[in-house]
Every structure is written in structure tokens, then in C-alpha cells.
Amino acid sequence: MKEMGLSFLSLKEASRAAIDWPDVYFAPAYGAAEQASLDATWEVAVWQPGPIVYPYLRRSIDVELAGRAGCFDIVSPYGYAGTWGPAEVSTESWAQFRAAFRGAMRDRGCVAEFMRLSSLVPGADALLGSDSTLQSTQHNDTVLVSLQAGYDAYWTAAAKRSRTAVRKARKLGYQLTVRAAAAADLGSDGAFRQVYEETMRRVEASPRYFFDASYYDCLLDGLGERLHLAEVRSADGAVVAAALFMQWGQLLHYHLSGSQREAARAGVNNMMIDGVIRHAVEVLDVTRLHLGGGVTAEDSLFKFKLGFGGERLPFRVAQSVLDDEAYRTLVAARARARGTTEVELIESGFFPAYRAA
């Protein structure tokens, strides 16, 4: 990995590369799970010196739509990745990376890219400043809770409504355990899967939020003891809420979560995160807990997460067309297939427009 310039690493190659991945969403451990659950191939672009690191999923474009084989587009893994580079990487190096990346990807058959830009690691501002073709917008904010000052400081900073909910759940006799996740927990018969999937059905979540066995197997294989499970049980021992948390160094991510409706009304979700915070501080030596954002800006889920006293972080997305001619051809073909116009597809706001439903 000391050679100069741009390289593209497969999942297998990245797993063996001497790269200090800045967060779990950039790492092949997480990429393997994403690849297993989607009709896509994970790979990562690496620029030296730096390194500048950009993981993404390659999605094939239907041959009938494209009119030729080999076309694809790319999208960041779900969650909080983007493009990362250490603060010492120069502006010139960033510009060289983007120029080389755009040219190489276009030559390989890439038509467009859609990128999620995390604020948890450096790189987003430098990236956007290095390439004027990237169009970025701010998406929903996310919530980061600092744990450096310890549990008591977090508790003091938490909103009154959140503390009240924690006390309520405790008073009703709910009990929390936090431990490393095991294969049995993630199987279709496991309590976590049952509670999580029941919750997704109840809220009518997109199929994207339902994962098969291969996703969980890869996540556990890649993270091992860094994949933590929190479970809340009622007085009769039944699991009424559960969540997976992913640890990367001193950062912990709230990943997947579910709870029974009545238990949620009793405050078990607040109690669960509160207990995870205590465990993170006292056992895991974690200094930051990232709770993520809401489904939409300022919705009830986001306000719930904000109630733990964290700071708001901007979460941006960026998009770029790498092959203008191919993009126009694809949009025109999609418009004909849908019986609509190219303008209507483009103005729908969906990107890339040729993937609009």
C-alpha cells in the first residue's frame, strides 16, 4: 500500500491491506455484510500518499437499459462512510485523487456515484472542495453523545423526558443485559431477530431494513466481540427490546434496534441506551456513542436520540455523473420504459434518475 497513485481493492484484498480504517463503515468487515445482503460488490478506492480511502458498492446496470454490458454505478455502504483522508493530506492531493478517480471509473464503465458523507471522520469538506462536479446537500443530522466525562456527566446533560423514561422502565422491573453478540442471537429464531423484524414490520419499514442470515453472519465474522447486543427483559424473562451496537476503537455505533410497542411506551428504549452508555464507559472504555439520525429531519426518532444530550452532526450526501453521455442514454431509456419524460425523471429528485421507480 506504499505505491503512489490510485488503486482499487476487492473485499479480499482490502481485508489483507495495511490500512488503519477510520471507522467501521469504511472497513471490509462491514463491507462484507453489505455485499452479502445486496446485489452489489464492495470495493474500496485508495489513493497514496494519504491514504485517501473511499469504499463503495458497485451496482450493475441492466444490459437492456444500458444497451451494452459492463455499465455500473456506485453508492456508499449504508450508514456513515464517505471518503476519508487524514488532516495532513494536501488540497492538491485531494484534487489529484478525484481527477484520477473520475477518469479511471469512467474507463471501467461507471456512470454515476452517490455518496453518504459522515461527519465522524475528516474528509468530507476536503472532498467537496476538491471536485466541483460533486453536488452535495445536507441530509438529516445525526446525534453524537460524548462519554469522555463519564456516566454522571451524560446523565446530567440528558433531557428530563429521557431521564424520566429511564426511571419509569426501571420502576416497572425491566432488566438490561449488554454483552458480545453470538451466532444464536442473530439466527432467525434468536430473540433479537424476532423483536427487530417485528418492529420493522410494524413501522412498515423498507425491505432494505430486513437482512438475511448472510448479512448477520458476515457482520459477526468481521466484528467478533466488537459487535455488542443489548437486551431488555420483562419480569417474566421475555425479551421486549434489543439492539446491536458496533464498536470501532473508542467509538460505538447504535446499529439495529427493535422493541415491543407496549414496552417502548414504558420507556425501555431509553433504559436500554442509558444502560449501554454505562456499559460503554465502565467496561468498554468508549468515549463516544453515535446514535445516528431519524427517518426524516426532526421526526420523533431523531428527537428521542437527541434526548440523550448529544450534539448534532451534519450528515451530507453527494452525487456526481461520471459519464454524461451514458447517463443521458440511460435516463432516456428509463423514461421510455416508464412512459414518462426525461425531465420528469430528473425533476423527481431521485439519483441516479434512471433508477427511479
Protein backbone atom coordinates (compact mmCIF):
# COMPACT_ATOMS: atom_id res chain seq x y z
CA MET A 1 0.00 0.00 0.00
CA LYS A 2 3.02 2.34 -0.25
CA GLU A 3 2.84 2.76 -4.03
CA MET A 4 1.88 6.20 -5.31
CA GLY A 5 -1.39 6.93 -7.05
CA LEU A 6 -4.77 5.23 -7.24
CA SER A 7 -5.60 1.58 -6.59
CA PHE A 8 -8.84 -0.38 -6.34
CA LEU A 9 -9.05 -3.16 -3.78
CA SER A 10 -11.54 -6.00 -3.67
CA LEU A 11 -13.03 -7.17 -0.40
CA LYS A 12 -10.39 -9.89 -0.10
CA GLU A 13 -7.53 -7.55 -0.95
CA ALA A 14 -8.77 -4.84 1.42
CA SER A 15 -9.03 -7.35 4.26
CA ARG A 16 -5.30 -8.00 3.91
CA ALA A 17 -4.21 -4.40 3.31
CA ALA A 18 -2.27 -2.46 5.93
CA ILE A 19 -4.86 0.30 6.25
CA ASP A 20 -5.95 1.81 9.56
CA TRP A 21 -9.65 2.03 8.70
CA PRO A 22 -11.04 5.18 10.36
CA ASP A 23 -14.45 3.75 11.28
CA VAL A 24 -16.41 0.53 10.94
CA TYR A 25 -18.43 1.80 7.96
CA PHE A 26 -15.21 2.11 5.93
CA ALA A 27 -13.85 -1.30 6.87
CA PRO A 28 -14.10 -4.54 4.86
CA ALA A 29 -15.62 -6.15 7.96
CA TYR A 30 -18.75 -4.06 7.40
CA GLY A 31 -18.40 -4.14 3.62
CA ALA A 32 -18.68 -7.92 3.62
CA ALA A 33 -22.07 -7.72 5.35
CA GLU A 34 -23.31 -5.09 2.92
CA GLN A 35 -22.15 -7.11 -0.07
CA ALA A 36 -23.82 -10.24 1.28
CA SER A 37 -27.19 -8.53 1.66
CA LEU A 38 -27.29 -6.65 -1.64
CA ASP A 39 -26.97 -7.39 -5.32
CA ALA A 40 -23.74 -5.40 -5.37
CA THR A 41 -19.97 -5.77 -4.97
CA TRP A 42 -17.98 -3.92 -2.32
CA GLU A 43 -14.62 -2.43 -3.14
CA VAL A 44 -12.51 0.49 -2.00
CA ALA A 45 -10.52 3.13 -3.86
CA VAL A 46 -7.24 4.04 -2.15
CA TRP A 47 -5.03 6.99 -3.02
CA GLN A 48 -1.42 7.32 -1.92
CA PRO A 49 0.11 9.32 -0.37
CA GLY A 50 -2.51 9.71 2.31
CA PRO A 51 -4.18 7.39 2.31
CA ILE A 52 -7.44 8.74 0.96
CA VAL A 53 -9.98 5.94 1.30
CA TYR A 54 -13.35 5.66 -0.48
CA PRO A 55 -15.40 2.46 -0.01
CA TYR A 56 -18.45 1.85 -2.19
CA LEU A 57 -20.76 -0.78 -3.64
CA ARG A 58 -20.73 -1.46 -7.37
CA ARG A 59 -24.25 -1.97 -8.76
CA SER A 60 -24.59 -3.43 -12.24
CA ILE A 61 -26.89 -1.64 -14.69
CA ASP A 62 -29.25 -3.81 -16.69
CA VAL A 63 -27.84 -4.55 -20.13
CA GLU A 64 -31.21 -3.93 -21.83
CA LEU A 65 -31.41 -0.48 -20.24
CA ALA A 66 -27.78 0.46 -20.93
CA GLY A 67 -27.63 -1.04 -24.41
CA ARG A 68 -24.27 -2.62 -23.60
CA ALA A 69 -22.66 -4.79 -20.98
CA GLY A 70 -20.30 -3.64 -18.25
CA CYS A 71 -22.07 -0.47 -17.07
CA PHE A 72 -22.42 0.12 -13.35
CA ASP A 73 -22.88 2.85 -10.77
CA ILE A 74 -21.63 3.12 -7.20
CA VAL A 75 -23.13 4.01 -3.83
CA SER A 76 -21.65 4.33 -0.35
CA PRO A 77 -22.37 1.49 2.07
CA TYR A 78 -25.48 2.15 4.12
CA GLY A 79 -24.65 4.20 7.20
CA TYR A 80 -21.89 6.69 7.82
CA ALA A 81 -18.96 6.28 5.46
CA GLY A 82 -17.99 8.59 2.59
CA THR A 83 -14.42 9.48 1.67
CA TRP A 84 -11.79 9.78 4.38
CA GLY A 85 -8.35 11.32 4.41
CA PRO A 86 -6.11 12.42 7.30
CA ALA A 87 -5.97 16.15 8.02
CA GLU A 88 -2.40 16.40 6.66
CA VAL A 89 -3.44 15.38 3.12
CA SER A 90 -2.93 18.42 0.91
CA THR A 91 -5.56 20.17 -1.18
CA GLU A 92 -3.51 19.29 -4.26
CA SER A 93 -3.52 15.61 -3.35
CA TRP A 94 -7.29 15.63 -2.90
CA ALA A 95 -7.75 17.22 -6.34
CA GLN A 96 -5.36 14.69 -7.91
CA PHE A 97 -7.28 11.84 -6.28
CA ARG A 98 -10.65 12.99 -7.59
CA ALA A 99 -9.33 13.61 -11.12
CA ALA A 100 -7.71 10.18 -11.22
CA PHE A 101 -10.75 8.51 -9.69
CA ARG A 102 -13.25 10.07 -12.09
CA GLY A 103 -11.16 9.13 -15.12
CA ALA A 104 -10.43 5.59 -14.00
CA MET A 105 -14.02 4.86 -13.01
CA ARG A 106 -15.39 6.21 -16.28
CA ASP A 107 -12.97 3.99 -18.17
CA ARG A 108 -14.13 0.99 -16.13
CA GLY A 109 -17.77 1.64 -17.05
CA CYS A 110 -19.03 3.65 -14.06
CA VAL A 111 -21.84 6.05 -14.96
CA ALA A 112 -22.66 7.79 -11.66
CA GLU A 113 -21.88 7.86 -7.95
CA PHE A 114 -23.95 8.57 -4.84
CA MET A 115 -22.03 9.15 -1.64
CA ARG A 116 -23.02 9.38 2.03
CA LEU A 117 -20.71 11.76 3.88
CA SER A 118 -20.12 11.16 7.57
CA SER A 119 -19.04 13.96 9.91
CA LEU A 120 -17.46 11.45 12.28
CA VAL A 121 -14.14 11.33 10.43
CA PRO A 122 -12.25 14.02 8.48
CA GLY A 123 -12.51 14.23 4.73
CA ALA A 124 -15.95 15.48 3.67
CA ASP A 125 -15.04 19.17 3.42
CA ALA A 126 -11.76 18.48 1.65
CA LEU A 127 -13.51 16.14 -0.76
CA LEU A 128 -16.23 18.62 -1.70
CA GLY A 129 -13.68 21.39 -2.10
CA SER A 130 -11.59 19.28 -4.45
CA ASP A 131 -14.24 18.43 -7.07
CA SER A 132 -16.72 20.99 -8.38
CA THR A 133 -18.72 18.27 -10.17
CA LEU A 134 -19.90 16.83 -6.85
CA GLN A 135 -23.32 18.19 -5.91
CA SER A 136 -23.89 17.96 -2.16
CA THR A 137 -26.87 18.57 0.09
CA GLN A 138 -27.28 18.33 3.82
CA HIS A 139 -29.41 15.38 4.82
CA ASN A 140 -30.74 14.64 8.31
CA ASP A 141 -28.49 15.49 11.25
CA THR A 142 -27.18 12.70 13.45
CA VAL A 143 -26.54 12.62 17.20
CA LEU A 144 -23.18 12.02 18.87
CA VAL A 145 -23.05 11.61 22.65
CA SER A 146 -19.71 12.38 24.30
CA LEU A 147 -18.84 9.99 27.12
CA GLN A 148 -15.40 11.38 27.93
CA ALA A 149 -16.59 12.97 31.18
CA GLY A 150 -18.22 9.75 32.37
CA TYR A 151 -21.71 8.45 33.02
CA ASP A 152 -22.79 11.11 35.52
CA ALA A 153 -21.95 13.93 33.11
CA TYR A 154 -24.03 12.27 30.38
CA TRP A 155 -26.95 11.80 32.81
CA THR A 156 -26.88 15.46 33.79
CA ALA A 157 -26.87 16.54 30.13
CA ALA A 158 -29.71 14.23 29.12
CA ALA A 159 -33.18 15.72 28.65
CA LYS A 160 -35.60 15.46 31.56
CA ARG A 161 -38.04 13.41 29.48
CA SER A 162 -35.35 10.84 28.77
CA ARG A 163 -34.32 10.51 32.42
CA THR A 164 -37.98 10.15 33.40
CA ALA A 165 -38.46 7.34 30.89
CA VAL A 166 -35.38 5.51 32.22
CA ARG A 167 -36.68 5.73 35.79
CA LYS A 168 -40.12 4.54 34.69
CA ALA A 169 -38.76 1.42 33.00
CA ARG A 170 -36.59 0.58 35.98
CA LYS A 171 -39.51 1.00 38.36
CA LEU A 172 -41.60 -1.39 36.25
CA GLY A 173 -38.98 -4.07 36.74
CA TYR A 174 -37.37 -4.27 33.32
CA GLN A 175 -33.82 -5.65 33.32
CA LEU A 176 -31.00 -4.93 30.88
CA THR A 177 -28.02 -7.03 29.83
CA VAL A 178 -25.21 -5.97 27.48
CA ARG A 179 -22.76 -8.50 26.08
CA ALA A 180 -20.96 -9.60 22.94
CA ALA A 181 -23.40 -10.88 20.32
CA ALA A 182 -23.33 -14.58 19.49
CA ALA A 183 -24.42 -16.54 16.42
CA ALA A 184 -27.51 -17.84 18.22
CA ASP A 185 -28.66 -14.25 18.90
CA LEU A 186 -28.56 -13.40 15.21
CA GLY A 187 -30.30 -16.50 13.89
CA SER A 188 -33.88 -16.34 12.68
CA ASP A 189 -35.05 -17.87 15.96
CA GLY A 190 -32.99 -15.53 18.11
CA ALA A 191 -34.78 -13.01 20.32
CA PHE A 192 -33.01 -10.07 18.70
CA ARG A 193 -34.08 -11.01 15.17
CA GLN A 194 -37.65 -11.63 16.25
CA VAL A 195 -38.01 -8.33 18.10
CA TYR A 196 -36.19 -6.34 15.42
CA GLU A 197 -38.12 -7.76 12.48
CA GLU A 198 -41.44 -7.46 14.28
CA THR A 199 -40.66 -3.79 14.81
CA MET A 200 -39.72 -3.26 11.16
CA ARG A 201 -42.99 -4.82 10.05
CA ARG A 202 -44.96 -2.68 12.49
CA VAL A 203 -43.45 0.56 11.23
CA GLU A 204 -43.74 -0.62 7.61
CA ALA A 205 -40.02 -0.27 7.01
CA SER A 206 -38.50 -0.59 3.57
CA PRO A 207 -37.29 -4.06 2.53
CA ARG A 208 -33.79 -2.55 2.84
CA TYR A 209 -34.10 -2.91 6.64
CA PHE A 210 -34.72 -6.66 6.55
CA PHE A 211 -31.49 -8.65 6.42
CA ASP A 212 -30.92 -12.31 5.68
CA ALA A 213 -28.69 -14.74 7.54
CA SER A 214 -25.63 -13.97 5.41
CA TYR A 215 -25.68 -10.33 6.50
CA TYR A 216 -25.61 -11.21 10.19
CA ASP A 217 -23.05 -13.97 9.66
CA CYS A 218 -20.65 -11.58 7.91
CA LEU A 219 -21.19 -8.86 10.50
CA LEU A 220 -20.37 -11.23 13.33
CA ASP A 221 -17.44 -12.81 11.49
CA GLY A 222 -15.97 -9.40 10.75
CA LEU A 223 -16.52 -7.69 14.08
CA GLY A 224 -16.45 -10.55 16.57
CA GLU A 225 -16.51 -9.19 20.12
CA ARG A 226 -16.85 -5.65 18.76
CA LEU A 227 -20.49 -6.46 17.90
CA HIS A 228 -22.46 -5.89 21.10
CA LEU A 229 -26.01 -6.94 21.93
CA ALA A 230 -28.26 -5.15 24.40
CA GLU A 231 -31.42 -6.92 25.59
CA VAL A 232 -34.21 -5.71 27.84
CA ARG A 233 -36.32 -8.36 29.54
CA SER A 234 -39.64 -8.05 31.32
CA ALA A 235 -40.27 -9.54 34.76
CA ASP A 236 -41.23 -12.88 33.17
CA GLY A 237 -37.93 -13.07 31.30
CA ALA A 238 -39.23 -12.26 27.82
CA VAL A 239 -37.04 -10.08 25.59
CA VAL A 240 -39.06 -6.94 24.86
CA ALA A 241 -36.32 -4.77 23.32
CA ALA A 242 -32.94 -5.47 21.75
CA ALA A 243 -30.28 -3.65 19.80
CA LEU A 244 -26.95 -4.24 18.10
CA PHE A 245 -24.06 -1.83 18.64
CA MET A 246 -20.86 -1.80 16.61
CA GLN A 247 -17.60 -0.75 18.28
CA TRP A 248 -14.63 0.69 16.45
CA GLY A 249 -11.92 1.76 18.86
CA GLN A 250 -13.44 4.24 21.28
CA LEU A 251 -16.48 4.89 19.09
CA LEU A 252 -19.71 2.92 19.47
CA HIS A 253 -22.49 2.96 16.86
CA TYR A 254 -26.16 2.27 17.57
CA HIS A 255 -26.90 -0.02 14.61
CA LEU A 256 -30.15 -2.04 14.57
CA SER A 257 -32.87 -1.91 17.21
CA GLY A 258 -36.39 -3.11 17.93
CA SER A 259 -38.90 -3.14 20.79
CA GLN A 260 -42.42 -4.28 21.52
CA ARG A 261 -44.96 -1.47 21.36
CA GLU A 262 -46.13 -1.56 24.98
CA ALA A 263 -42.60 -1.91 26.31
CA ALA A 264 -41.50 1.07 24.25
CA ARG A 265 -44.26 3.13 25.82
CA ALA A 266 -42.90 2.07 29.21
CA GLY A 267 -39.50 3.62 28.43
CA VAL A 268 -37.44 0.51 27.68
CA ASN A 269 -35.65 2.08 24.73
CA ASN A 270 -34.44 4.94 26.90
CA MET A 271 -33.44 2.46 29.58
CA MET A 272 -31.57 0.35 27.02
CA ILE A 273 -29.46 3.19 25.66
CA ASP A 274 -28.84 4.52 29.16
CA GLY A 275 -27.58 1.09 30.21
CA VAL A 276 -25.41 0.78 27.12
CA ILE A 277 -23.87 4.16 27.94
CA ARG A 278 -22.96 2.97 31.42
CA HIS A 279 -21.52 -0.26 29.98
CA ALA A 280 -19.61 1.69 27.33
CA VAL A 281 -18.00 3.93 29.94
CA GLU A 282 -17.30 1.36 32.65
CA VAL A 283 -16.50 -1.76 30.61
CA LEU A 284 -15.65 -0.88 27.02
CA ASP A 285 -13.73 2.37 27.65
CA VAL A 286 -15.72 4.02 24.86
CA THR A 287 -15.62 7.83 24.67
CA ARG A 288 -18.28 8.46 22.00
CA LEU A 289 -21.67 6.94 21.22
CA HIS A 290 -23.12 7.66 17.79
CA LEU A 291 -26.90 7.25 17.79
CA GLY A 292 -27.50 8.15 14.14
CA GLY A 293 -30.44 10.23 12.96
CA GLY A 294 -34.13 9.96 12.28
CA VAL A 295 -36.03 8.69 9.28
CA THR A 296 -36.79 12.31 8.40
CA ALA A 297 -35.46 15.57 9.78
CA GLU A 298 -36.71 16.43 13.27
CA ASP A 299 -39.00 13.40 13.49
CA SER A 300 -39.83 11.58 16.73
CA LEU A 301 -36.93 9.15 16.34
CA PHE A 302 -34.44 11.98 15.99
CA LYS A 303 -35.90 13.81 19.00
CA PHE A 304 -35.69 10.57 21.00
CA LYS A 305 -31.98 10.32 20.20
CA LEU A 306 -31.36 13.99 20.88
CA GLY A 307 -32.83 13.46 24.34
CA PHE A 308 -29.60 11.76 25.44
CA GLY A 309 -27.81 15.08 25.50
CA GLY A 310 -25.64 14.63 22.42
CA GLU A 311 -24.52 17.14 19.82
CA ARG A 312 -25.96 17.39 16.34
CA LEU A 313 -23.65 16.46 13.48
CA PRO A 314 -24.40 17.38 9.87
CA PHE A 315 -24.89 14.41 7.56
CA ARG A 316 -24.50 15.20 3.88
CA VAL A 317 -24.93 13.30 0.65
CA ALA A 318 -23.16 13.99 -2.63
CA GLN A 319 -23.73 12.86 -6.20
CA SER A 320 -21.89 13.06 -9.46
CA VAL A 321 -22.33 11.92 -13.06
CA LEU A 322 -19.10 10.34 -14.28
CA ASP A 323 -20.18 9.57 -17.85
CA ASP A 324 -22.55 12.24 -19.17
CA GLU A 325 -23.37 10.52 -22.46
CA ALA A 326 -24.13 7.17 -20.82
CA TYR A 327 -26.20 8.89 -18.16
CA ARG A 328 -28.36 10.69 -20.72
CA THR A 329 -28.83 7.44 -22.65
CA LEU A 330 -29.92 5.60 -19.52
CA VAL A 331 -32.34 8.32 -18.42
CA ALA A 332 -33.91 8.36 -21.89
CA ALA A 333 -34.27 4.56 -21.88
CA ARG A 334 -35.81 4.58 -18.41
CA ALA A 335 -38.25 7.33 -19.39
CA ARG A 336 -39.41 5.30 -22.40
CA ALA A 337 -39.81 2.19 -20.25
CA ARG A 338 -41.93 4.09 -17.73
CA GLY A 339 -43.95 6.02 -20.30
CA THR A 340 -42.78 9.35 -18.91
CA THR A 341 -40.31 12.07 -19.89
CA GLU A 342 -36.65 12.52 -19.12
CA VAL A 343 -37.40 15.87 -17.50
CA GLU A 344 -39.91 14.29 -15.11
CA LEU A 345 -37.39 11.64 -14.07
CA ILE A 346 -34.67 14.20 -13.44
CA GLU A 347 -37.01 16.57 -11.59
CA SER A 348 -38.21 13.73 -9.35
CA GLY A 349 -35.05 14.30 -7.32
CA PHE A 350 -34.12 10.60 -7.38
CA PHE A 351 -30.49 9.92 -8.20
CA PRO A 352 -29.46 8.37 -10.43
CA ALA A 353 -32.64 9.23 -12.31
CA TYR A 354 -32.55 6.04 -14.38
CA ARG A 355 -33.13 4.04 -11.15
CA ALA A 356 -36.31 5.95 -10.25
CA ALA A 357 -39.18 3.57 -9.51
